[in-house]
Protein backbone atom coordinates (compact mmCIF):
# COMPACT_ATOMS: atom_id res chain seq x y z
CA UNK A 1 10.41 -24.37 -0.43
CA UNK A 2 8.58 -23.34 3.08
CA UNK A 3 6.22 -23.96 5.03
CA UNK A 4 3.82 -20.57 4.94
CA UNK A 5 4.60 -19.41 8.20
CA UNK A 6 7.89 -20.77 9.01
CA UNK A 7 11.33 -20.51 7.29
CA UNK A 8 12.35 -21.39 3.69
CA UNK A 9 14.09 -24.95 3.28
CA UNK A 10 15.36 -24.58 -0.66
CA UNK A 11 17.46 -21.95 -1.08
CA UNK A 12 19.61 -21.02 -3.56
CA UNK A 13 22.39 -18.31 -3.01
CA UNK A 14 23.58 -16.51 -5.97
CA UNK A 15 26.30 -13.68 -6.64
CA UNK A 16 27.07 -12.34 -9.80
CA UNK A 17 30.67 -10.21 -11.04
CA UNK A 18 29.37 -7.73 -13.94
CA UNK A 19 31.41 -5.48 -16.30
CA UNK A 20 28.99 -2.71 -14.53
CA UNK A 21 25.92 -2.14 -12.48
CA UNK A 22 23.79 -1.32 -15.55
CA UNK A 23 21.57 -4.96 -16.47
CA UNK A 24 20.34 -3.09 -19.48
CA UNK A 25 23.95 -2.83 -20.70
CA UNK A 26 26.03 -4.46 -18.79
CA UNK A 27 27.05 -8.44 -18.82
CA UNK A 28 27.52 -11.20 -16.51
CA UNK A 29 31.53 -12.15 -16.25
CA UNK A 30 30.77 -14.89 -13.18
CA UNK A 31 28.61 -16.58 -11.37
CA UNK A 32 28.23 -18.35 -7.79
CA UNK A 33 26.03 -20.86 -6.79
CA UNK A 34 25.16 -22.08 -3.39
CA UNK A 35 22.51 -24.50 -2.67
CA UNK A 36 21.21 -25.17 0.23
CA UNK A 37 18.22 -27.82 1.18
CA UNK A 38 16.83 -28.93 4.61
CA UNK A 39 19.78 -27.03 6.25
CA UNK A 40 22.26 -28.99 4.38
CA UNK A 41 24.46 -28.03 1.63
CA UNK A 42 23.77 -29.52 -1.60
CA UNK A 43 25.82 -28.12 -4.53
CA UNK A 44 28.48 -25.39 -4.86
CA UNK A 45 29.03 -24.48 -8.04
CA UNK A 46 31.12 -21.14 -10.14
CA UNK A 47 31.98 -20.24 -13.93
CA UNK A 48 33.54 -17.12 -15.54
CA UNK A 49 31.22 -15.97 -18.39
CA UNK A 50 32.18 -14.31 -21.38
CA UNK A 51 30.73 -11.41 -21.47
CA UNK A 52 31.13 -10.82 -25.43
CA UNK A 53 32.78 -6.93 -24.61
CA UNK A 54 35.37 -5.62 -22.46
CA UNK A 55 35.61 -5.49 -19.02
CA UNK A 56 36.49 -1.66 -17.76
CA UNK A 57 39.56 -1.26 -15.68
CA UNK A 58 38.23 0.08 -12.72
CA UNK A 59 36.07 -3.58 -12.94
CA UNK A 60 39.12 -5.30 -13.39
CA UNK A 61 40.75 -4.04 -10.56
CA UNK A 62 37.82 -4.32 -8.31
CA UNK A 63 37.41 -8.25 -9.03
CA UNK A 64 40.32 -9.50 -10.27
CA UNK A 65 38.66 -10.66 -13.48
CA UNK A 66 40.37 -9.46 -16.34
CA UNK A 67 39.44 -9.82 -20.18
CA UNK A 68 42.29 -12.71 -20.55
CA UNK A 69 40.50 -14.71 -17.81
CA UNK A 70 37.27 -14.70 -19.42
CA UNK A 71 38.19 -15.13 -23.14
CA UNK A 72 37.84 -18.63 -23.19
CA UNK A 73 35.23 -19.04 -21.18
CA UNK A 74 31.15 -20.13 -22.31
CA UNK A 75 28.96 -17.65 -23.25
CA UNK A 76 25.98 -17.52 -20.93
CA UNK A 77 23.81 -19.06 -23.51
CA UNK A 78 25.52 -21.88 -23.29
CA UNK A 79 25.38 -22.29 -19.73
CA UNK A 80 21.83 -20.58 -19.14
CA UNK A 81 20.20 -24.08 -19.30
CA UNK A 82 22.63 -25.48 -16.38
CA UNK A 83 22.37 -22.61 -14.32
CA UNK A 84 18.52 -22.52 -14.61
CA UNK A 85 18.66 -26.45 -13.94
CA UNK A 86 20.64 -25.27 -10.96
CA UNK A 87 18.29 -22.55 -9.41
CA UNK A 88 15.20 -23.92 -10.20
CA UNK A 89 12.46 -23.86 -7.32
CA UNK A 90 14.15 -22.33 -4.70
CA UNK A 91 14.44 -18.79 -2.81
CA UNK A 92 16.76 -16.77 -4.65
CA UNK A 93 19.00 -15.29 -1.98
CA UNK A 94 21.09 -12.35 -2.70
CA UNK A 95 23.10 -9.09 -1.37
CA UNK A 96 21.57 -6.60 -3.30
CA UNK A 97 19.29 -9.05 -4.44
CA UNK A 98 17.61 -6.69 -7.06
CA UNK A 99 20.95 -6.12 -8.82
CA UNK A 100 21.76 -10.27 -9.01
CA UNK A 101 18.33 -11.14 -10.09
CA UNK A 102 18.07 -8.35 -12.71
CA UNK A 103 21.01 -9.42 -14.59
CA UNK A 104 19.81 -12.87 -14.19
CA UNK A 105 16.70 -12.19 -15.81
CA UNK A 106 17.76 -10.33 -18.61
CA UNK A 107 20.53 -12.84 -19.45
CA UNK A 108 17.75 -15.67 -19.61
CA UNK A 109 15.85 -13.39 -21.55
CA UNK A 110 18.22 -12.94 -24.25
CA UNK A 111 18.74 -16.94 -24.12
CA UNK A 112 15.04 -17.58 -24.63
CA UNK A 113 14.51 -18.90 -21.12
CA UNK A 114 11.75 -18.24 -18.49
CA UNK A 115 13.10 -17.23 -15.30
CA UNK A 116 10.70 -16.34 -11.79
CA UNK A 117 11.81 -16.99 -8.39
CA UNK A 118 10.01 -16.07 -4.58
CA UNK A 119 13.67 -13.08 -3.97
CA UNK A 120 15.26 -12.61 -0.34
CA UNK A 121 17.47 -9.64 0.14
CA UNK A 122 20.26 -10.15 2.72
CA UNK A 123 20.81 -6.30 2.64
CA UNK A 124 17.15 -5.77 3.51
CA UNK A 125 17.00 -8.76 5.82
CA UNK A 126 20.24 -7.51 7.75
CA UNK A 127 18.25 -3.92 7.90
CA UNK A 128 15.41 -5.63 9.65
CA UNK A 129 17.37 -7.80 12.26
CA UNK A 130 20.19 -5.08 13.29
CA UNK A 131 18.20 -1.66 12.98
CA UNK A 132 20.69 -0.07 15.30
CA UNK A 133 23.39 -0.75 12.82
CA UNK A 134 24.29 2.19 9.78
CA UNK A 135 26.08 -0.03 7.41
CA UNK A 136 24.85 -3.04 5.75
CA UNK A 137 26.98 -3.78 2.67
CA UNK A 138 28.75 -7.29 2.57
CA UNK A 139 31.82 -6.46 4.36
CA UNK A 140 29.89 -4.48 7.24
CA UNK A 141 28.13 -7.91 7.56
CA UNK A 142 30.99 -10.05 7.52
CA UNK A 143 32.73 -7.86 10.37
CA UNK A 144 29.36 -7.83 12.33
CA UNK A 145 28.97 -11.51 12.43
CA UNK A 146 32.60 -12.65 12.69
CA UNK A 147 32.72 -13.84 8.97
CA UNK A 148 35.13 -14.36 6.73
CA UNK A 149 35.76 -14.94 2.85
CA UNK A 150 39.01 -16.30 1.23
CA UNK A 151 37.90 -14.98 -2.28
CA UNK A 152 36.13 -11.84 -1.65
CA UNK A 153 34.67 -9.75 -4.80
CA UNK A 154 34.66 -13.48 -6.62
CA UNK A 155 30.91 -14.78 -6.83
CA UNK A 156 31.72 -18.21 -5.22
CA UNK A 157 33.31 -16.71 -2.46
CA UNK A 158 30.48 -14.12 -1.78
CA UNK A 159 27.51 -16.62 -2.28
CA UNK A 160 29.45 -18.52 0.05
CA UNK A 161 29.57 -15.66 2.83
CA UNK A 162 25.87 -15.42 2.31
CA UNK A 163 25.08 -18.79 2.89
CA UNK A 164 27.20 -18.61 6.01
CA UNK A 165 25.00 -15.32 7.07
CA UNK A 166 21.82 -17.27 6.91
CA UNK A 167 23.34 -20.44 9.05
CA UNK A 168 24.44 -17.86 11.63
CA UNK A 169 21.36 -16.10 11.54
CA UNK A 170 19.52 -19.61 12.23
CA UNK A 171 21.40 -20.36 15.12
CA UNK A 172 21.59 -16.98 16.71
CA UNK A 173 17.60 -16.14 16.29
CA UNK A 174 14.58 -18.23 17.35
CA UNK A 175 12.68 -19.66 14.45
CA UNK A 176 9.54 -17.99 15.89
CA UNK A 177 11.48 -14.17 15.28
CA UNK A 178 13.37 -15.00 12.33
CA UNK A 179 10.56 -16.54 10.34
CA UNK A 180 8.14 -13.51 10.11
CA UNK A 181 10.81 -11.21 9.29
CA UNK A 182 11.89 -13.82 5.96
CA UNK A 183 8.04 -14.43 5.18
CA UNK A 184 7.48 -10.29 5.44
CA UNK A 185 10.40 -9.86 2.83
CA UNK A 186 9.62 -12.73 0.53
CA UNK A 187 6.04 -11.73 0.50
CA UNK A 188 6.67 -8.00 0.17
CA UNK A 189 5.47 -8.21 -3.46
CA UNK A 190 2.57 -11.10 -3.86
CA UNK A 191 1.43 -10.68 -7.48
CA UNK A 192 -1.66 -12.12 -8.19
CA UNK A 193 -1.55 -15.37 -10.20
CA UNK A 194 -3.14 -13.69 -13.53
CA UNK A 195 -0.61 -11.07 -13.60
CA UNK A 196 2.43 -12.91 -12.64
CA UNK A 197 3.43 -13.41 -16.60
CA UNK A 198 2.92 -9.73 -17.39
CA UNK A 199 5.10 -8.99 -14.20
CA UNK A 200 7.71 -11.25 -15.01
CA UNK A 201 8.00 -9.76 -18.84
CA UNK A 202 8.16 -5.83 -16.93
CA UNK A 203 11.91 -4.32 -18.03
CA UNK A 204 14.02 -3.23 -15.09
CA UNK A 205 14.50 0.09 -16.70
CA UNK A 206 12.46 3.29 -16.61
CA UNK A 207 8.73 3.67 -17.91
CA UNK A 208 5.02 3.91 -17.77
CA UNK A 209 2.34 1.51 -17.24
CA UNK A 210 -1.69 1.29 -17.01
CA UNK A 211 -3.51 -0.77 -14.51
CA UNK A 212 -6.67 -1.90 -15.55
CA UNK A 213 -10.06 -3.23 -13.53
CA UNK A 214 -12.91 -5.06 -14.71
CA UNK A 215 -14.63 -3.98 -17.80
CA UNK A 216 -11.57 -2.33 -18.78
CA UNK A 217 -11.47 0.49 -16.41
CA UNK A 218 -8.51 2.71 -16.22
CA UNK A 219 -7.55 2.38 -12.36
CA UNK A 220 -4.05 3.72 -12.61
CA UNK A 221 -1.22 5.58 -14.59
CA UNK A 222 2.16 5.43 -12.93
CA UNK A 223 5.71 5.74 -13.91
CA UNK A 224 8.88 4.46 -12.51
CA UNK A 225 12.75 4.18 -13.00
CA UNK A 226 12.37 0.58 -12.46
CA UNK A 227 9.19 -0.89 -14.10
CA UNK A 228 9.09 -4.28 -12.26
CA UNK A 229 10.01 -2.95 -9.25
CA UNK A 230 7.10 -0.21 -9.26
CA UNK A 231 4.35 -2.39 -10.30
CA UNK A 232 5.16 -4.89 -8.10
CA UNK A 233 5.07 -2.17 -4.80
CA UNK A 234 1.39 -2.06 -5.83
CA UNK A 235 0.84 -5.57 -4.28
CA UNK A 236 2.97 -4.81 -1.40
CA UNK A 237 1.57 -6.77 1.30
CA UNK A 238 0.77 -5.00 4.94
CA UNK A 239 2.37 -1.61 3.57
CA UNK A 240 0.03 0.05 1.15
CA UNK A 241 -2.72 2.26 2.74
CA UNK A 242 -6.09 0.84 2.55
CA UNK A 243 -7.16 2.68 -0.68
CA UNK A 244 -4.43 1.24 -2.46
CA UNK A 245 -5.23 -2.23 -1.28
CA UNK A 246 -8.58 -1.74 -2.53
CA UNK A 247 -7.00 -0.67 -6.03
CA UNK A 248 -4.01 -3.83 -6.07
CA UNK A 249 -7.07 -5.93 -5.53
CA UNK A 250 -8.92 -4.36 -8.87
CA UNK A 251 -6.27 -5.26 -11.29
CA UNK A 252 -7.11 -7.37 -14.08
CA UNK A 253 -4.57 -6.47 -16.52
CA UNK A 254 -1.70 -3.86 -17.07
CA UNK A 255 0.08 -2.45 -20.10
CA UNK A 256 3.52 -0.92 -19.89
CA UNK A 257 5.57 1.08 -22.20
CA UNK A 258 9.40 1.02 -21.53
CA UNK A 259 11.40 4.96 -21.89
CA UNK A 260 14.74 5.83 -22.57
CA UNK A 261 15.17 8.11 -19.25
CA UNK A 262 13.33 10.01 -17.13
CA UNK A 263 11.75 12.93 -19.44
CA UNK A 264 10.06 10.56 -21.51
CA UNK A 265 8.47 8.60 -18.60
CA UNK A 266 7.44 11.87 -17.13
CA UNK A 267 5.52 13.10 -20.22
CA UNK A 268 3.84 9.91 -20.80
CA UNK A 269 2.70 9.85 -17.58
CA UNK A 270 1.05 13.31 -17.62
CA UNK A 271 -0.47 12.14 -21.43
CA UNK A 272 -1.68 9.34 -20.24
CA UNK A 273 -3.52 10.42 -17.22
CA UNK A 274 -4.84 13.91 -18.80
CA UNK A 275 -6.25 11.47 -21.81
CA UNK A 276 -7.80 9.25 -19.73
CA UNK A 277 -8.81 10.44 -16.27
CA UNK A 278 -7.58 7.34 -14.42
CA UNK A 279 -9.90 6.45 -11.22
CA UNK A 280 -6.86 6.59 -8.77
CA UNK A 281 -4.86 9.14 -9.58
CA UNK A 282 -4.73 11.99 -7.58
CA UNK A 283 -3.22 14.53 -10.11
CA UNK A 284 -6.01 13.80 -12.83
CA UNK A 285 -8.29 15.45 -10.20
CA UNK A 286 -5.83 18.41 -8.66
CA UNK A 287 -4.32 19.74 -11.53
CA UNK A 288 -7.28 19.99 -13.88
CA UNK A 289 -8.01 23.96 -13.22
CA UNK A 290 -4.54 25.95 -12.13
CA UNK A 291 -4.33 29.86 -11.67
CA UNK A 292 -1.48 32.35 -11.86
CA UNK A 293 -1.44 36.04 -11.04
CA UNK A 294 -2.28 37.88 -14.33
CA UNK A 295 -1.93 41.83 -15.20
CA UNK A 296 -5.61 42.56 -14.39
CA UNK A 297 -8.04 45.35 -15.16
CA UNK A 298 -8.62 47.07 -11.57
CA UNK A 299 -5.94 45.44 -9.74
CA UNK A 300 -2.19 45.21 -11.03
CA UNK A 301 -2.35 41.82 -11.01
CA UNK A 302 -5.35 39.08 -9.96
CA UNK A 303 -5.37 35.27 -10.06
CA UNK A 304 -6.56 33.99 -13.36
CA UNK A 305 -7.38 30.44 -14.37
CA UNK A 306 -4.81 29.60 -16.58
CA UNK A 307 -7.10 27.67 -18.83
CA UNK A 308 -9.17 30.55 -19.54
CA UNK A 309 -6.03 32.42 -20.80
CA UNK A 310 -5.00 33.17 -24.61
CA UNK A 311 -1.19 32.34 -25.35
CA UNK A 312 -0.23 35.88 -25.45
CA UNK A 313 -1.66 36.91 -21.89
CA UNK A 314 1.11 34.32 -20.37
CA UNK A 315 3.63 36.89 -21.18
CA UNK A 316 2.16 38.68 -18.05
CA UNK A 317 1.77 36.06 -15.38
CA UNK A 318 3.62 34.91 -12.56
CA UNK A 319 3.70 31.53 -10.60
CA UNK A 320 1.28 28.42 -11.00
CA UNK A 321 -1.21 27.54 -8.18
CA UNK A 322 -3.75 24.84 -7.77
CA UNK A 323 -6.61 26.81 -6.66
CA UNK A 324 -7.40 30.61 -6.76
CA UNK A 325 -6.99 31.16 -2.62
CA UNK A 326 -3.52 29.62 -3.02
CA UNK A 327 -2.95 32.84 -5.71
CA UNK A 328 -4.38 34.84 -3.32
CA UNK A 329 -2.18 33.42 -0.25
CA UNK A 330 1.21 33.52 -2.26
CA UNK A 331 0.37 37.41 -3.36
CA UNK A 332 -0.41 38.04 0.29
CA UNK A 333 3.02 36.50 1.36
CA UNK A 334 4.75 38.37 -1.43
CA UNK A 335 3.03 41.87 -0.60
CA UNK A 336 3.94 41.40 3.43
CA UNK A 337 7.62 40.31 2.51
CA UNK A 338 8.18 43.65 0.08
CA UNK A 339 6.08 45.70 1.82
CA UNK A 340 3.26 46.30 -0.75
CA UNK A 341 -0.35 47.79 0.08
CA UNK A 342 -2.85 45.00 0.52
CA UNK A 343 -5.38 47.19 -0.34
CA UNK A 344 -4.03 48.57 -3.71
CA UNK A 345 -3.31 44.83 -4.45
CA UNK A 346 -7.47 43.94 -3.45
CA UNK A 347 -6.43 41.64 -1.14
CA UNK A 348 -7.95 43.86 1.70
CA UNK A 349 -11.09 46.14 1.77
CA UNK A 350 -12.58 49.01 3.51
CA UNK A 351 -11.49 53.01 3.45
CA UNK A 352 -8.80 54.70 4.33
CA UNK A 353 -5.04 53.38 5.11
CA UNK A 354 -4.54 49.51 4.92
CA UNK A 355 -3.96 48.12 8.32
CA UNK A 356 0.04 47.28 6.76
CA UNK A 357 0.49 51.24 7.17
CA UNK A 358 -0.03 51.56 10.37
CA UNK A 359 2.19 48.83 11.49
CA UNK A 360 5.21 49.96 9.18
CA UNK A 361 4.51 47.26 6.41
CA UNK A 362 3.32 49.56 4.03
CA UNK A 363 5.08 52.50 2.26
CA UNK A 364 1.55 54.00 1.52
CA UNK A 365 0.39 53.70 -1.70
CA UNK A 366 -3.22 53.04 -0.26
CA UNK A 367 -2.83 57.00 0.79
CA UNK A 368 -0.97 58.52 -2.24
CA UNK A 369 2.26 58.51 -0.05
CA UNK A 370 4.22 56.19 -2.48
CA UNK A 371 3.43 56.60 -6.02
CA UNK A 372 1.48 53.94 -7.80
CA UNK A 373 3.93 53.51 -10.50
CA UNK A 374 6.52 52.84 -8.52
CA UNK A 375 4.67 50.43 -6.02
CA UNK A 376 3.90 48.50 -9.34
CA UNK A 377 7.24 48.49 -10.06
CA UNK A 378 8.34 46.98 -6.97
CA UNK A 379 5.56 44.49 -7.22
CA UNK A 380 6.85 43.45 -10.79
CA UNK A 381 10.54 42.98 -9.21
CA UNK A 382 9.01 41.19 -6.37
CA UNK A 383 6.66 38.51 -8.75
CA UNK A 384 9.68 38.46 -11.30
CA UNK A 385 11.26 35.29 -9.96
CA UNK A 386 7.84 33.52 -10.55
CA UNK A 387 7.21 35.05 -14.44
CA UNK A 388 6.20 32.15 -16.71
CA UNK A 389 8.73 31.86 -19.58
CA UNK A 390 7.85 32.26 -23.03
CA UNK A 391 8.77 28.95 -25.54
CA UNK A 392 12.09 29.18 -26.06
CA UNK A 393 12.47 27.14 -29.46
CA UNK A 394 11.52 28.81 -32.34
CA UNK A 395 8.44 26.60 -33.02
CA UNK A 396 7.70 23.14 -32.78
CA UNK A 397 10.72 20.68 -31.77
CA UNK A 398 12.17 17.16 -30.56
CA UNK A 399 14.19 16.98 -27.81
CA UNK A 400 16.66 14.10 -28.00
CA UNK A 401 16.91 12.07 -25.09
CA UNK A 402 19.86 10.05 -25.06
CA UNK A 403 20.09 7.34 -22.17
CA UNK A 404 21.45 4.07 -20.88
CA UNK A 405 18.25 2.31 -22.41
CA UNK A 406 17.88 4.19 -25.41
CA UNK A 407 17.60 7.24 -27.84
CA UNK A 408 14.11 9.01 -28.11
CA UNK A 409 12.70 11.89 -29.70
CA UNK A 410 10.09 14.20 -27.60
CA UNK A 411 8.45 16.26 -29.78
CA UNK A 412 6.89 19.39 -28.15
CA UNK A 413 5.28 23.00 -28.79
CA UNK A 414 4.16 25.94 -27.13
CA UNK A 415 4.44 23.99 -23.48
CA UNK A 416 2.71 20.80 -25.00
CA UNK A 417 3.78 17.14 -25.50
CA UNK A 418 2.64 15.72 -28.48
CA UNK A 419 4.48 12.53 -28.51
CA UNK A 420 7.22 10.63 -28.65
CA UNK A 421 9.29 8.33 -31.40
CA UNK A 422 12.51 6.65 -31.15
CA UNK A 423 13.98 7.58 -34.13
CA UNK A 424 14.12 10.65 -36.77
CA UNK A 425 12.28 8.94 -39.31
CA UNK A 426 9.40 8.52 -36.94
CA UNK A 427 8.37 11.97 -36.04
CA UNK A 428 7.17 12.66 -39.52
CA UNK A 429 3.38 12.57 -38.61
CA UNK A 430 4.31 14.68 -35.16
CA UNK A 431 5.99 17.36 -37.17
CA UNK A 432 3.14 18.33 -38.82
CA UNK A 433 0.07 20.52 -37.90
CA UNK A 434 -1.06 23.61 -36.67
CA UNK A 435 0.99 25.44 -33.79
CA UNK A 436 -0.27 24.71 -30.61
CA UNK A 437 -1.84 27.29 -28.84
CA UNK A 438 -2.85 25.47 -25.44
CA UNK A 439 -0.14 25.96 -22.60
CA UNK A 440 0.27 22.37 -20.52
CA UNK A 441 1.09 23.40 -16.82
CA UNK A 442 2.51 19.97 -16.21
CA UNK A 443 4.45 19.70 -18.98
CA UNK A 444 5.54 23.42 -18.49
CA UNK A 445 6.90 22.35 -15.54
CA UNK A 446 8.61 19.04 -16.28
CA UNK A 447 10.55 21.03 -19.32
CA UNK A 448 11.26 23.62 -17.23
CA UNK A 449 13.28 21.27 -14.68
CA UNK A 450 14.83 19.58 -17.66
CA UNK A 451 15.71 22.97 -19.38
CA UNK A 452 17.58 23.61 -15.77
CA UNK A 453 19.40 20.44 -15.55
CA UNK A 454 20.72 20.02 -19.10
CA UNK A 455 22.32 23.51 -20.25
CA UNK A 456 23.55 21.49 -23.26
CA UNK A 457 20.13 20.15 -24.68
CA UNK A 458 19.84 18.45 -28.10
CA UNK A 459 16.85 19.42 -29.82
CA UNK A 460 15.43 19.39 -33.50
CA UNK A 461 14.04 22.01 -35.25
CA UNK A 462 10.96 20.69 -37.04
CA UNK A 463 10.37 23.71 -39.04
CA UNK A 464 13.38 22.59 -41.16
CA UNK A 465 13.34 18.43 -41.74
CA UNK A 466 16.45 16.99 -40.75
CA UNK A 467 18.62 19.75 -39.34
CA UNK A 468 19.63 19.29 -35.76
CA UNK A 469 20.56 22.82 -33.28
CA UNK A 470 22.31 22.79 -29.96
CA UNK A 471 21.94 25.06 -26.96
CA UNK A 472 25.25 25.33 -26.29
CA UNK A 473 25.09 26.90 -22.94
CA UNK A 474 22.30 28.71 -20.28
CA UNK A 475 23.01 31.55 -21.46
CA UNK A 476 21.75 30.97 -25.06
CA UNK A 477 18.55 29.01 -23.40
CA UNK A 478 17.98 32.24 -21.42
CA UNK A 479 18.78 34.59 -24.40
CA UNK A 480 15.90 32.86 -26.36
CA UNK A 481 13.74 33.05 -23.29
CA UNK A 482 13.38 36.73 -23.68
CA UNK A 483 10.33 38.01 -24.66
């Protein structure tokens, strides 16, 4: 294909037309291939493909490929072996290459064929070579380089444009300048040979993964909207920091689990980190012990470790902070913003009035000029936006997440994540057990963001097997959220 430091000699320029943009659910409608070896054109080939599903009208208008045109075209499985032969052994070149590569990998997998190739993305190549330009879509590349296409948005026409772009780069840039850029892009993700098979099997959808070292030591737990891209990023040459490079060199085994969508991905990641304490996860160490501002015995509110609180205490807690120092700083900032007394809040020592009163930043609660009842009422109002929310459901529930990659049921109780099932029948074991008393800070943050983004929340009440309720609006959630 290429000398270690030179330009690749065997390249296959590929373009696909598809029924949509999601390789997990959409299908290929046309394949275009241009193969070049040693600077010579070896083959040009294209074929329509029957996607076995309807082509959306907006896609038909964009590509000009209609349902009638593909009705008698071969299925991908019928031409998969021939396509694999045409692209085997070459550098895979495409514009936004991850799109085309992902679609082909999925189709080959469905046809029980293995496909893997070094990938060169012409979008990334254009960005590296022409950093002064903002646009690098194919139309912009054609205009900037004086390229033409007689069949734009058709697979072979666009594939020819990519080969023309490559030949122009070979003419315009000395090999000594072009080769390092190309090699850097080709070698961006150099996966060790003992991990190549499992990385090739990783899906392009969301999920979580675990990296193991020698003696099955858990090194790292991570997540990604594209599992394959995220795992490969750990092996990026020249871009990772020293610690990341050391970790990548230690990886001996990879485990992964696909998710339907973002919620399941986030909940699983947190659960895996907390249960195993991976060596390289910062969050495993930083979030072990969090603090909140809670009703105090001496002062109106005091920083207290959340881990030491009972569930009932949470109704009078405000905010989540990594350290006690962070909690005190936040309280001080709030006090100064609302002219509250630092001495009454326990943030300032000494006799007499606080310093704030002397500079007009306190209303005199330290000297009795402002009644403590009024001062503390103003404090409660200032803290109200930070108040921890009470559990908004009647008990243990399963949150149904419907996404492009499937449907999952996430069982949660009192801000604690208990597990995930892919169908309602599988949640029987997660539905039983005593109510959770714990408060998981990380799960709380994840669920609060999810509630805010999803006003219509689909959930199953596990106290009543088989029944399902739906929050019809954000107002319904707010009403349930009141203590």
